[in-house]
Amino acid sequence: MTSRDRLSDGVLTAFATAGYLALLVAGLGVASLALDEDVIRTRGVGLVPAYVAAGAALAVFALLVRQAVARERPTYVAAAGVALASAATHALVLGAGALLDSGDLGVALGAVSEVLVGWVEPVVALTAAVAAWAAIAVRRTGAERPRWPWEDSPR
């Protein structure tokens, strides 16, 4: 595949970020349903800090995936860095948001410790790793749209 035919970095990043969002929502939802637990059980923490934290994790994911796929042959190890950075950003922004939302340091620390010790951050990290790996795989393999056999034959 020539560089002209290659999927642009921005488009690949957008698709990977949309995939990460879908995996994150599905992963948290299925885990919450299977465990019969709320994603964040800490009293005093509203929905806004959780949404802002997820948005920040998505933004960090997009920035790091964009850097990874900009290389001609990115390494799959970059997916681990993307996953760890996305999860760390989620936890930090959730803590800051919970502090601003509740005005109580104890509530903020409780929310952060809950997601770090529980199942939430592993889901955030795992879904980021899967989506980043997929984007890197698309870049490394030079994947292109499917074609019928007669599309490539000369006329």
Foldseek 3Di string as FASTA:
>chain_A
DDPVQFDDLLVLLVVLLVQLVVLLVVLQVVVCVVVVHHLFPQPQQDVVLQVVLLVQLSVLLSVQLSVQLVDQQGDLVSLQVNLVVSLVSSLVSSLVNSCVRRVDNVSSVSRSVCCVVDDNSVSSSVSSSVSSSVSSVCSNVVDDDDDDPVVPDDD
